[in-house]
Structure formats: C-alpha cells, structure tokens
N, C-alpha and C. Protein backbone atom coordinates (compact mmCIF):
# COMPACT_ATOMS: atom_id res chain seq x y z
N MET A 1 103.54 69.71 97.21
CA MET A 1 104.18 70.96 97.54
C MET A 1 103.19 72.09 97.34
N TYR A 2 103.18 73.01 98.28
CA TYR A 2 102.27 74.14 98.22
C TYR A 2 102.85 75.28 97.39
N LYS A 3 101.96 76.06 96.79
CA LYS A 3 102.36 77.18 95.94
C LYS A 3 102.44 78.47 96.74
N PHE A 4 103.32 79.37 96.28
CA PHE A 4 103.38 80.74 96.76
C PHE A 4 102.90 81.60 95.61
N LEU A 5 101.86 82.40 95.86
CA LEU A 5 101.29 83.24 94.82
C LEU A 5 101.20 84.68 95.30
N VAL A 6 101.10 85.59 94.35
CA VAL A 6 100.91 87.01 94.64
C VAL A 6 99.68 87.49 93.89
N VAL A 7 98.79 88.19 94.59
CA VAL A 7 97.64 88.83 93.96
C VAL A 7 97.90 90.33 94.06
N THR A 8 98.08 90.97 92.92
CA THR A 8 98.43 92.39 92.92
C THR A 8 97.92 93.07 91.66
N ASP A 9 98.16 94.37 91.61
CA ASP A 9 97.70 95.16 90.47
C ASP A 9 98.64 94.98 89.28
N PRO A 10 98.19 95.32 88.07
CA PRO A 10 99.01 95.12 86.87
C PRO A 10 100.32 95.90 86.87
N ASP A 11 100.41 96.99 87.62
CA ASP A 11 101.63 97.79 87.63
C ASP A 11 102.78 97.10 88.37
N THR A 12 102.48 96.39 89.43
CA THR A 12 103.54 95.75 90.22
C THR A 12 103.74 94.27 89.88
N ALA A 13 102.86 93.70 89.10
CA ALA A 13 102.96 92.28 88.74
C ALA A 13 104.26 91.90 88.04
N PRO A 14 104.76 92.71 87.09
CA PRO A 14 106.00 92.31 86.41
C PRO A 14 107.20 92.13 87.35
N GLY A 15 107.29 92.95 88.37
CA GLY A 15 108.39 92.82 89.32
C GLY A 15 108.37 91.48 90.04
N PHE A 16 107.18 91.03 90.42
CA PHE A 16 107.07 89.72 91.07
C PHE A 16 107.36 88.60 90.09
N ARG A 17 106.93 88.77 88.85
CA ARG A 17 107.22 87.75 87.84
C ARG A 17 108.72 87.63 87.59
N LEU A 18 109.42 88.77 87.58
CA LEU A 18 110.87 88.73 87.40
C LEU A 18 111.55 87.97 88.53
N ALA A 19 110.93 87.99 89.71
CA ALA A 19 111.47 87.25 90.85
C ALA A 19 111.10 85.77 90.80
N GLY A 20 110.31 85.38 89.81
CA GLY A 20 109.95 83.97 89.65
C GLY A 20 108.70 83.54 90.39
N VAL A 21 107.90 84.49 90.81
CA VAL A 21 106.70 84.19 91.58
C VAL A 21 105.50 84.11 90.65
N GLU A 22 104.59 83.18 90.94
CA GLU A 22 103.35 83.10 90.18
C GLU A 22 102.45 84.26 90.60
N VAL A 23 101.95 85.02 89.63
CA VAL A 23 101.19 86.24 89.91
C VAL A 23 99.79 86.14 89.32
N ILE A 24 98.83 86.61 90.10
CA ILE A 24 97.47 86.79 89.61
C ILE A 24 97.22 88.29 89.59
N GLU A 25 97.01 88.83 88.40
CA GLU A 25 96.76 90.27 88.27
C GLU A 25 95.28 90.56 88.49
N ALA A 26 95.02 91.63 89.24
CA ALA A 26 93.65 92.07 89.46
C ALA A 26 93.59 93.56 89.18
N ALA A 27 92.80 93.93 88.20
CA ALA A 27 92.68 95.34 87.83
C ALA A 27 91.77 96.11 88.77
N SER A 28 90.93 95.39 89.52
CA SER A 28 90.01 96.05 90.45
C SER A 28 89.93 95.26 91.75
N GLN A 29 89.33 95.87 92.74
CA GLN A 29 89.17 95.20 94.03
C GLN A 29 88.22 94.00 93.91
N GLU A 30 87.25 94.10 93.04
CA GLU A 30 86.31 92.99 92.83
C GLU A 30 87.01 91.78 92.22
N GLU A 31 87.88 92.01 91.24
CA GLU A 31 88.64 90.91 90.64
C GLU A 31 89.54 90.26 91.69
N ALA A 32 90.15 91.08 92.53
CA ALA A 32 91.02 90.55 93.58
C ALA A 32 90.22 89.72 94.58
N ARG A 33 89.04 90.18 94.95
CA ARG A 33 88.20 89.45 95.91
C ARG A 33 87.86 88.07 95.35
N LYS A 34 87.49 88.01 94.07
CA LYS A 34 87.16 86.73 93.45
C LYS A 34 88.37 85.80 93.42
N ALA A 35 89.53 86.34 93.10
CA ALA A 35 90.74 85.52 93.04
C ALA A 35 91.12 85.00 94.42
N ILE A 36 91.06 85.86 95.43
CA ILE A 36 91.41 85.46 96.80
C ILE A 36 90.42 84.41 97.30
N ASN A 37 89.14 84.62 97.04
CA ASN A 37 88.12 83.67 97.46
C ASN A 37 88.39 82.28 96.85
N ALA A 38 88.78 82.24 95.60
CA ALA A 38 89.08 80.96 94.95
C ALA A 38 90.33 80.32 95.54
N LEU A 39 91.34 81.12 95.84
CA LEU A 39 92.61 80.59 96.36
C LEU A 39 92.47 80.04 97.77
N VAL A 40 91.58 80.61 98.56
CA VAL A 40 91.41 80.16 99.95
C VAL A 40 90.97 78.70 99.99
N PHE A 41 90.24 78.26 98.99
CA PHE A 41 89.69 76.90 99.00
C PHE A 41 90.44 75.93 98.10
N LYS A 42 91.59 76.34 97.54
CA LYS A 42 92.40 75.43 96.73
C LYS A 42 93.34 74.65 97.63
N ASP A 43 93.50 73.37 97.34
CA ASP A 43 94.32 72.50 98.17
C ASP A 43 95.82 72.72 98.01
N ASP A 44 96.25 73.25 96.88
CA ASP A 44 97.69 73.39 96.63
C ASP A 44 98.25 74.77 96.95
N THR A 45 97.45 75.63 97.54
CA THR A 45 97.88 76.99 97.85
C THR A 45 98.43 77.04 99.28
N GLY A 46 99.67 77.53 99.42
CA GLY A 46 100.30 77.60 100.74
C GLY A 46 100.35 79.01 101.28
N ILE A 47 100.91 79.94 100.50
CA ILE A 47 101.04 81.33 100.93
C ILE A 47 100.56 82.22 99.79
N VAL A 48 99.76 83.22 100.14
CA VAL A 48 99.29 84.18 99.15
C VAL A 48 99.62 85.58 99.67
N ALA A 49 100.46 86.28 98.95
CA ALA A 49 100.77 87.67 99.27
C ALA A 49 99.81 88.53 98.47
N VAL A 50 99.13 89.44 99.17
CA VAL A 50 98.08 90.23 98.53
C VAL A 50 98.34 91.71 98.75
N ASN A 51 98.15 92.48 97.71
CA ASN A 51 98.24 93.92 97.79
C ASN A 51 97.38 94.41 98.96
N GLU A 52 97.93 95.26 99.81
CA GLU A 52 97.26 95.71 101.03
C GLU A 52 95.91 96.37 100.75
N GLU A 53 95.81 97.10 99.65
CA GLU A 53 94.54 97.75 99.31
C GLU A 53 93.46 96.71 99.01
N PHE A 54 93.84 95.60 98.41
CA PHE A 54 92.87 94.55 98.10
C PHE A 54 92.38 93.87 99.38
N ILE A 55 93.27 93.67 100.33
CA ILE A 55 92.85 93.06 101.60
C ILE A 55 91.89 93.97 102.34
N ALA A 56 92.15 95.27 102.32
CA ALA A 56 91.29 96.22 103.01
C ALA A 56 89.88 96.24 102.41
N ALA A 57 89.73 95.85 101.15
CA ALA A 57 88.43 95.89 100.49
C ALA A 57 87.64 94.58 100.60
N LEU A 58 88.20 93.56 101.25
CA LEU A 58 87.50 92.28 101.37
C LEU A 58 86.31 92.41 102.31
N ASP A 59 85.27 91.62 102.03
CA ASP A 59 84.11 91.64 102.91
C ASP A 59 84.43 90.88 104.20
N GLN A 60 83.70 91.19 105.25
CA GLN A 60 83.98 90.67 106.59
C GLN A 60 83.92 89.14 106.65
N LYS A 61 83.00 88.55 105.93
CA LYS A 61 82.86 87.09 105.95
C LYS A 61 84.12 86.41 105.41
N LEU A 62 84.66 86.93 104.32
CA LEU A 62 85.87 86.35 103.74
C LEU A 62 87.07 86.57 104.67
N VAL A 63 87.15 87.72 105.30
CA VAL A 63 88.24 87.99 106.26
C VAL A 63 88.18 87.00 107.42
N GLU A 64 86.99 86.73 107.93
CA GLU A 64 86.84 85.76 109.03
C GLU A 64 87.24 84.36 108.58
N THR A 65 86.89 83.98 107.36
CA THR A 65 87.28 82.69 106.82
C THR A 65 88.80 82.59 106.73
N ILE A 66 89.44 83.64 106.25
CA ILE A 66 90.90 83.68 106.13
C ILE A 66 91.55 83.54 107.50
N GLU A 67 91.03 84.24 108.49
CA GLU A 67 91.62 84.22 109.82
C GLU A 67 91.44 82.86 110.51
N LYS A 68 90.41 82.11 110.15
CA LYS A 68 90.16 80.81 110.78
C LYS A 68 90.94 79.67 110.13
N THR A 69 91.35 79.83 108.89
CA THR A 69 92.05 78.75 108.20
C THR A 69 93.54 78.81 108.52
N TYR A 70 94.16 77.64 108.55
CA TYR A 70 95.59 77.60 108.78
C TYR A 70 96.38 77.61 107.47
N ARG A 71 95.70 77.30 106.39
CA ARG A 71 96.31 77.32 105.08
C ARG A 71 95.27 77.65 104.05
N PRO A 72 95.49 78.55 103.17
CA PRO A 72 96.75 79.26 102.94
C PRO A 72 96.94 80.41 103.92
N ILE A 73 98.17 80.80 104.05
CA ILE A 73 98.50 81.98 104.84
C ILE A 73 98.40 83.17 103.91
N ILE A 74 97.58 84.14 104.29
CA ILE A 74 97.41 85.36 103.48
C ILE A 74 98.21 86.47 104.15
N ILE A 75 99.17 87.03 103.42
CA ILE A 75 99.97 88.11 103.98
C ILE A 75 99.82 89.36 103.12
N PRO A 76 99.64 90.51 103.76
CA PRO A 76 99.53 91.75 103.00
C PRO A 76 100.89 92.26 102.57
N ILE A 77 100.94 92.85 101.39
CA ILE A 77 102.15 93.51 100.93
C ILE A 77 101.80 94.97 100.67
N PRO A 78 102.69 95.88 101.02
CA PRO A 78 102.39 97.30 100.81
C PRO A 78 102.18 97.61 99.34
N SER A 79 101.24 98.49 99.09
CA SER A 79 100.95 98.88 97.72
C SER A 79 101.81 100.07 97.33
N ARG A 80 102.13 100.17 96.05
CA ARG A 80 102.94 101.29 95.58
C ARG A 80 102.19 102.60 95.67
N ALA A 81 100.90 102.57 95.39
CA ALA A 81 100.11 103.79 95.34
C ALA A 81 99.94 104.40 96.72
N LYS A 82 99.93 103.58 97.73
CA LYS A 82 99.68 104.05 99.08
C LYS A 82 100.99 104.11 99.84
N ARG A 83 101.37 105.30 100.26
CA ARG A 83 102.59 105.45 101.06
C ARG A 83 102.25 105.16 102.51
N ILE A 84 102.90 104.15 103.05
CA ILE A 84 102.63 103.77 104.43
C ILE A 84 103.87 103.98 105.28
N ASP A 85 103.66 104.11 106.56
CA ASP A 85 104.75 104.19 107.50
C ASP A 85 105.26 102.76 107.70
N ARG A 86 106.45 102.48 107.24
CA ARG A 86 106.99 101.11 107.27
C ARG A 86 107.10 100.57 108.69
N THR A 87 107.42 101.43 109.66
CA THR A 87 107.54 100.97 111.04
C THR A 87 106.20 100.49 111.55
N SER A 88 105.13 101.25 111.32
CA SER A 88 103.81 100.82 111.80
C SER A 88 103.35 99.57 111.06
N TYR A 89 103.74 99.42 109.81
CA TYR A 89 103.40 98.21 109.05
C TYR A 89 104.04 96.98 109.70
N ILE A 90 105.31 97.08 110.03
CA ILE A 90 106.00 95.96 110.67
C ILE A 90 105.39 95.67 112.04
N GLU A 91 105.04 96.70 112.78
CA GLU A 91 104.41 96.51 114.09
C GLU A 91 103.08 95.78 113.95
N ARG A 92 102.27 96.14 112.95
CA ARG A 92 100.99 95.46 112.73
C ARG A 92 101.19 94.00 112.38
N MET A 93 102.19 93.72 111.53
CA MET A 93 102.47 92.34 111.15
C MET A 93 102.90 91.52 112.36
N LEU A 94 103.75 92.09 113.21
CA LEU A 94 104.19 91.38 114.42
C LEU A 94 103.02 91.14 115.36
N GLN A 95 102.17 92.14 115.54
CA GLN A 95 101.03 91.98 116.43
C GLN A 95 100.10 90.88 115.93
N ARG A 96 99.88 90.83 114.64
CA ARG A 96 99.01 89.79 114.08
C ARG A 96 99.64 88.41 114.27
N ALA A 97 100.96 88.33 114.12
CA ALA A 97 101.64 87.03 114.19
C ALA A 97 101.72 86.50 115.62
N ILE A 98 102.01 87.38 116.58
CA ILE A 98 102.25 86.88 117.94
C ILE A 98 101.19 87.31 118.94
N GLY A 99 100.33 88.24 118.55
CA GLY A 99 99.24 88.64 119.44
C GLY A 99 99.59 89.75 120.41
N TYR A 100 100.78 90.30 120.31
CA TYR A 100 101.20 91.40 121.18
C TYR A 100 101.69 92.56 120.34
N ASN A 101 101.49 93.76 120.85
CA ASN A 101 101.99 94.95 120.17
C ASN A 101 103.42 95.20 120.59
N ILE A 102 104.33 95.14 119.64
CA ILE A 102 105.73 95.41 119.89
C ILE A 102 106.08 96.71 119.18
N VAL A 103 106.67 97.63 119.92
CA VAL A 103 107.04 98.92 119.35
C VAL A 103 108.45 98.81 118.80
N VAL A 104 108.61 99.16 117.52
CA VAL A 104 109.91 99.12 116.87
C VAL A 104 110.51 100.51 116.97
N ARG A 105 111.71 100.59 117.55
CA ARG A 105 112.39 101.89 117.68
C ARG A 105 113.72 101.84 116.96
N ARG A 106 114.16 102.99 116.51
CA ARG A 106 115.46 103.09 115.83
C ARG A 106 116.55 103.31 116.80
C-alpha cells in the first residue's frame, strides 16, 4: 500500500496531523527540497501534497523528474502565508491534469 504524505511548514503541520496524515515539516525551502527529492525515489510513496511555496522553489531538474514519473503524484497545496485566487488555482490544477485550460465561472 502506498503512503499519502504532506510536506509543509511547521505552522500548518499540526492541522494535517489532526486529520491523520503523515507530515514532514520543513522550516525552509532547502529542507523541503531535500525531503521531496528523497520521497520521489521511495517505493512506498503514492501521493505527496506539498506547500505551493516549496514547489515553486524546486530546481528545474527535480521538477522535470517529478513530471516524468507516474508515482509518486506530487500535488501543490495553497500556503497560508500566500493569499491566492482560488479560482485560478483550480484552473491551473485542471489544466495540469487534463492538458486544457478550463475557465471556472460562478
């Protein structure tokens, strides 16, 4: 059975732990990069949810490796510190998943 893990900052980690998810805390972008790099090559990792700021800080080579692998699936989660437009976030996720830009309207 594959694991579902979350890589996030220490401020949001307790919330994920309360939900019963295994959490890897990263105090900096460098710590997150090392953790993600290790998880990409583990056999028991299925899905890794990563703080969006940490994904944005990954080097291009690691991003290409993530995009080429079928497992684990790396999904970004919005960060608390960064206020994002939720509609554009959903649109980006849909475009990445299906390859087309779908506009979400209210």
